Amino acid sequence: MAEITVNGFKTNYQVFGEGKPLLILHGWGSNSERWQIVAELISQKGFKVIVPDLPGFGKSDALPHPWNLNKYVAWTEQFIKELNLNEYYLLGHSFGGALASKIAVKHAQDIKKLFLVSAACIRKKTTKKSFLAKISKIIKLFYFLPYYNFFRKAVYKFIIRKSDYVYVEGVMKETYLNMVSEDLSLHLSFIKIPTVVIWGDKDSSTPIEDGHVIAKQIKNSKIVVIPEAGHDLNKKQPEILAGKILENL
């Protein structure tokens, strides 16, 4: 474990190995510890893997007010500057994938290759999402009932299911809403660096169709599909994920 202050935020991060730098940006609700196995496996092949706890997550400082994706971009840019990273590889998972895609456009000259793992870049409105949004509003009408929080979590778990909104508190609720409201579909075509899109074909959080759209939008890219794998590849299939990353480094 290491610690650094970035833009006023005490930031916890982990470094594995020595060699060519690879920066990993974790997903929503995650942290550096959940990437330890993947990072250790990659570091054994001559790479210096750096995994920070993004602000608001893990052991880094909490956010004083809600952030949007551009705030996280600015913070990450400063983190990279503080660590003097040059010609590095960049990997982003889920929410971290959306963050990485924006950084890749702004700093193409510094990034050797981009890895988007189950990246949450596609946020298009659908009939299903509109329906779920209406359910969420209806739930709020019953805030006065006993056991309201238990009821709300049960609805999200068994009906809405894949939303992280119910599990966040304070400023992270609005931060989460800011993240899911930004669709990067049109932004992807501006990524010019070599990109590897890695996806599980059973991903129910960011469906495999999103992976194919991302790979199509980024001209200099390839898609790697992991059979029978879901969204949390770093937790459920760390060895397979590390292998696919190493094959393309």
Protein backbone atom coordinates (compact mmCIF):
# COMPACT_ATOMS: atom_id res chain seq x y z
CA MET A 1 0.00 0.00 0.00
CA ALA A 2 1.11 3.53 -0.77
CA GLU A 3 -0.43 6.94 -0.18
CA ILE A 4 -0.29 10.23 -2.04
CA THR A 5 -2.25 13.49 -1.99
CA VAL A 6 -3.81 14.31 -5.36
CA ASN A 7 -5.78 17.54 -5.83
CA GLY A 8 -6.25 17.67 -2.08
CA PHE A 9 -7.46 14.08 -1.78
CA LYS A 10 -5.59 11.52 0.27
CA THR A 11 -5.27 8.68 -2.20
CA ASN A 12 -4.50 5.05 -1.47
CA TYR A 13 -2.91 3.00 -4.24
CA GLN A 14 -1.05 -0.24 -4.77
CA VAL A 15 1.98 -0.94 -6.92
CA PHE A 16 2.93 -4.41 -8.12
CA GLY A 17 6.26 -5.29 -9.76
CA GLU A 18 8.69 -3.29 -11.85
CA GLY A 19 8.86 -2.57 -15.56
CA LYS A 20 6.54 -0.99 -18.12
CA PRO A 21 3.72 0.81 -16.30
CA LEU A 22 0.10 -0.33 -16.52
CA LEU A 23 -2.52 1.83 -14.78
CA ILE A 24 -5.77 0.10 -13.79
CA LEU A 25 -8.92 2.12 -13.04
CA HIS A 26 -11.45 0.06 -11.10
CA GLY A 27 -15.23 0.02 -11.47
CA TRP A 28 -18.01 1.51 -9.39
CA GLY A 29 -18.06 0.29 -5.79
CA SER A 30 -14.72 -1.46 -6.24
CA ASN A 31 -11.17 -0.76 -5.04
CA SER A 32 -7.54 -1.67 -5.61
CA GLU A 33 -7.69 -4.79 -3.42
CA ARG A 34 -10.19 -6.43 -5.77
CA TRP A 35 -7.62 -6.20 -8.56
CA GLN A 36 -4.75 -7.68 -6.56
CA ILE A 37 -4.71 -11.13 -8.17
CA VAL A 38 -4.87 -9.73 -11.71
CA ALA A 39 -2.20 -7.14 -10.90
CA GLU A 40 0.16 -9.67 -9.34
CA LEU A 41 -0.13 -12.04 -12.31
CA ILE A 42 0.60 -9.26 -14.81
CA SER A 43 3.47 -7.85 -12.73
CA GLN A 44 5.24 -11.22 -12.88
CA LYS A 45 5.75 -10.68 -16.62
CA GLY A 46 7.79 -7.49 -16.37
CA PHE A 47 5.14 -4.85 -15.77
CA LYS A 48 4.68 -2.27 -13.05
CA VAL A 49 0.96 -2.39 -12.28
CA ILE A 50 -0.55 0.61 -10.48
CA VAL A 51 -4.06 0.46 -9.04
CA PRO A 52 -5.45 3.47 -7.14
CA ASP A 53 -8.57 3.63 -5.00
CA LEU A 54 -10.47 6.32 -6.88
CA PRO A 55 -11.83 9.19 -4.72
CA GLY A 56 -14.93 8.05 -2.87
CA PHE A 57 -13.86 4.40 -2.93
CA GLY A 58 -11.65 2.06 -0.96
CA LYS A 59 -9.28 3.78 1.46
CA SER A 60 -9.04 7.05 -0.44
CA ASP A 61 -10.78 10.19 0.81
CA ALA A 62 -14.54 10.52 0.43
CA LEU A 63 -15.99 13.13 -1.93
CA PRO A 64 -17.09 16.39 -0.27
CA HIS A 65 -19.72 16.94 -2.96
CA PRO A 66 -21.04 15.03 -6.02
CA TRP A 67 -18.66 14.55 -8.94
CA ASN A 68 -19.25 13.95 -12.62
CA LEU A 69 -17.05 11.97 -14.99
CA ASN A 70 -14.99 15.03 -15.95
CA LYS A 71 -14.06 15.56 -12.28
CA TYR A 72 -12.69 12.02 -12.17
CA VAL A 73 -10.82 12.66 -15.43
CA ALA A 74 -9.13 15.75 -13.95
CA TRP A 75 -8.21 13.85 -10.79
CA THR A 76 -6.77 10.94 -12.78
CA GLU A 77 -4.73 13.28 -14.95
CA GLN A 78 -3.14 14.75 -11.83
CA PHE A 79 -2.55 11.30 -10.33
CA ILE A 80 -0.70 10.29 -13.51
CA LYS A 81 1.34 13.50 -13.34
CA GLU A 82 2.22 12.99 -9.67
CA LEU A 83 3.52 9.48 -10.42
CA ASN A 84 5.44 10.70 -13.50
CA LEU A 85 3.90 8.08 -15.74
CA ASN A 86 5.09 8.22 -19.33
CA GLU A 87 4.23 5.84 -22.15
CA TYR A 88 1.98 3.73 -19.98
CA TYR A 89 -0.72 1.17 -20.66
CA LEU A 90 -4.21 2.06 -19.44
CA LEU A 91 -6.98 -0.32 -18.37
CA GLY A 92 -10.46 0.60 -17.20
CA HIS A 93 -13.18 -1.71 -15.92
CA SER A 94 -16.89 -0.81 -15.99
CA PHE A 95 -17.18 2.78 -14.69
CA GLY A 96 -13.37 2.90 -14.84
CA GLY A 97 -13.66 1.98 -18.52
CA ALA A 98 -15.73 5.09 -19.21
CA LEU A 99 -13.13 7.12 -17.34
CA ALA A 100 -10.26 5.49 -19.25
CA SER A 101 -11.93 6.14 -22.61
CA LYS A 102 -12.08 9.88 -21.93
CA ILE A 103 -8.46 9.97 -20.80
CA ALA A 104 -7.44 8.07 -23.94
CA VAL A 105 -8.81 10.81 -26.17
CA LYS A 106 -7.05 13.61 -24.28
CA HIS A 107 -3.70 11.84 -23.80
CA ALA A 108 -3.30 9.61 -26.83
CA GLN A 109 0.39 10.54 -27.11
CA ASP A 110 1.17 9.06 -23.67
CA ILE A 111 -0.84 5.82 -23.78
CA LYS A 112 0.68 2.82 -25.55
CA LYS A 113 -2.48 0.74 -25.51
CA LEU A 114 -5.97 0.97 -24.02
CA PHE A 115 -7.84 -1.93 -22.43
CA LEU A 116 -11.60 -1.55 -21.93
CA VAL A 117 -12.94 -4.35 -19.74
CA SER A 118 -16.75 -4.54 -19.49
CA ALA A 119 -16.62 -0.79 -19.98
CA ALA A 120 -19.74 1.20 -19.07
CA CYS A 121 -19.53 3.57 -22.04
CA ILE A 122 -22.97 2.96 -23.56
CA ARG A 123 -25.73 4.66 -21.59
CA LYS A 124 -28.54 4.97 -24.13
CA LYS A 125 -32.07 5.37 -22.90
CA THR A 126 -34.29 2.36 -23.46
CA THR A 127 -37.90 1.46 -22.71
CA LYS A 128 -36.67 -0.83 -19.94
CA LYS A 129 -34.60 1.92 -18.31
CA SER A 130 -37.55 4.33 -18.47
CA PHE A 131 -39.73 1.69 -16.82
CA LEU A 132 -37.21 1.12 -14.06
CA ALA A 133 -36.87 4.86 -13.49
CA LYS A 134 -40.64 5.06 -12.97
CA ILE A 135 -40.50 2.20 -10.46
CA SER A 136 -37.76 4.05 -8.58
CA LYS A 137 -39.95 7.16 -8.33
CA ILE A 138 -42.92 5.12 -7.10
CA ILE A 139 -40.79 3.49 -4.39
CA LYS A 140 -39.86 6.90 -3.00
CA LEU A 141 -43.55 7.65 -2.35
CA PHE A 142 -43.56 5.04 0.42
CA TYR A 143 -40.67 6.52 2.42
CA PHE A 144 -42.93 6.95 5.48
CA LEU A 145 -43.66 3.23 5.85
CA PRO A 146 -41.97 1.09 8.51
CA TYR A 147 -39.08 -0.97 7.11
CA TYR A 148 -38.96 1.33 4.07
CA ASN A 149 -35.20 0.81 3.53
CA PHE A 150 -35.61 -2.96 3.66
CA PHE A 151 -38.50 -2.76 1.17
CA ARG A 152 -36.53 -0.45 -1.16
CA LYS A 153 -33.48 -2.72 -1.21
CA ALA A 154 -35.65 -5.78 -1.84
CA VAL A 155 -37.27 -4.12 -4.86
CA TYR A 156 -33.90 -3.11 -6.28
CA LYS A 157 -32.43 -6.55 -5.66
CA PHE A 158 -35.25 -8.68 -7.04
CA ILE A 159 -36.96 -6.39 -9.56
CA ILE A 160 -34.56 -3.69 -10.71
CA ARG A 161 -31.59 -5.90 -9.82
CA LYS A 162 -28.52 -4.49 -11.57
CA SER A 163 -28.60 -0.94 -10.19
CA ASP A 164 -25.89 0.09 -7.70
CA TYR A 165 -27.89 3.17 -6.73
CA VAL A 166 -29.58 1.58 -3.72
CA TYR A 167 -26.22 0.61 -2.20
CA VAL A 168 -24.66 4.09 -2.17
CA GLU A 169 -25.09 6.85 0.38
CA GLY A 170 -24.68 10.61 0.64
CA VAL A 171 -22.97 12.46 -2.21
CA MET A 172 -22.21 9.17 -3.96
CA LYS A 173 -25.89 8.83 -4.88
CA GLU A 174 -25.81 11.95 -7.04
CA THR A 175 -22.33 11.04 -8.25
CA TYR A 176 -23.69 7.68 -9.40
CA LEU A 177 -26.57 9.37 -11.23
CA ASN A 178 -24.07 11.68 -12.93
CA MET A 179 -22.10 8.66 -14.15
CA VAL A 180 -25.02 6.70 -15.56
CA SER A 181 -26.44 9.77 -17.32
CA GLU A 182 -23.38 10.27 -19.55
CA ASP A 183 -23.42 8.26 -22.77
CA LEU A 184 -20.05 8.02 -24.55
CA SER A 185 -21.26 6.36 -27.75
CA LEU A 186 -20.28 9.30 -29.96
CA HIS A 187 -17.08 9.91 -28.02
CA LEU A 188 -15.60 6.47 -28.80
CA SER A 189 -14.77 7.21 -32.44
CA PHE A 190 -12.24 9.82 -31.26
CA ILE A 191 -10.07 7.14 -29.63
CA LYS A 192 -7.15 6.60 -32.01
CA ILE A 193 -4.77 4.47 -29.94
CA PRO A 194 -4.69 0.64 -30.16
CA THR A 195 -7.52 -0.70 -28.01
CA VAL A 196 -8.42 -4.13 -26.69
CA VAL A 197 -12.04 -4.62 -25.66
CA ILE A 198 -12.47 -7.52 -23.21
CA TRP A 199 -15.91 -8.82 -22.30
CA GLY A 200 -17.69 -11.76 -20.71
CA ASP A 201 -20.43 -13.18 -22.92
CA LYS A 202 -22.75 -13.61 -19.90
CA ASP A 203 -22.36 -10.03 -18.66
CA SER A 204 -25.77 -8.83 -17.48
CA SER A 205 -24.58 -5.42 -16.24
CA THR A 206 -22.94 -4.24 -19.46
CA PRO A 207 -24.21 -6.65 -22.14
CA ILE A 208 -21.89 -8.15 -24.73
CA GLU A 209 -23.69 -6.10 -27.39
CA ASP A 210 -22.12 -3.00 -25.84
CA GLY A 211 -18.70 -4.54 -26.26
CA HIS A 212 -19.27 -5.08 -29.97
CA VAL A 213 -20.53 -1.51 -30.37
CA ILE A 214 -17.43 -0.15 -28.62
CA ALA A 215 -15.10 -2.27 -30.77
CA LYS A 216 -16.88 -1.11 -33.92
CA GLN A 217 -16.69 2.55 -32.93
CA ILE A 218 -12.95 2.42 -32.16
CA LYS A 219 -11.25 1.76 -35.47
CA ASN A 220 -7.91 0.49 -34.17
CA SER A 221 -9.41 -2.11 -31.83
CA LYS A 222 -10.11 -5.79 -31.31
CA ILE A 223 -12.61 -7.56 -29.08
CA VAL A 224 -11.78 -10.52 -26.85
CA VAL A 225 -14.79 -12.44 -25.55
CA ILE A 226 -14.44 -14.68 -22.50
CA PRO A 227 -17.00 -17.53 -22.64
CA GLU A 228 -19.33 -18.14 -19.69
CA ALA A 229 -18.04 -15.03 -17.89
CA GLY A 230 -19.99 -12.21 -16.30
CA HIS A 231 -19.23 -8.60 -15.40
CA ASP A 232 -16.79 -8.96 -12.50
CA LEU A 233 -14.01 -10.66 -14.43
CA ASN A 234 -11.36 -9.46 -11.99
CA LYS A 235 -13.12 -11.27 -9.12
CA LYS A 236 -14.58 -14.35 -10.80
CA GLN A 237 -11.99 -15.15 -13.52
CA PRO A 238 -8.82 -13.22 -12.53
CA GLU A 239 -6.41 -15.76 -14.04
CA ILE A 240 -8.24 -15.82 -17.37
CA LEU A 241 -8.52 -12.03 -17.47
CA ALA A 242 -4.83 -11.56 -16.64
CA GLY A 243 -3.96 -14.03 -19.40
CA LYS A 244 -6.01 -12.16 -22.00
CA ILE A 245 -4.43 -8.87 -20.97
CA LEU A 246 -0.91 -10.29 -21.16
CA GLU A 247 -1.59 -11.79 -24.58
CA ASN A 248 -2.28 -8.29 -25.87
CA LEU A 249 0.32 -6.21 -24.01
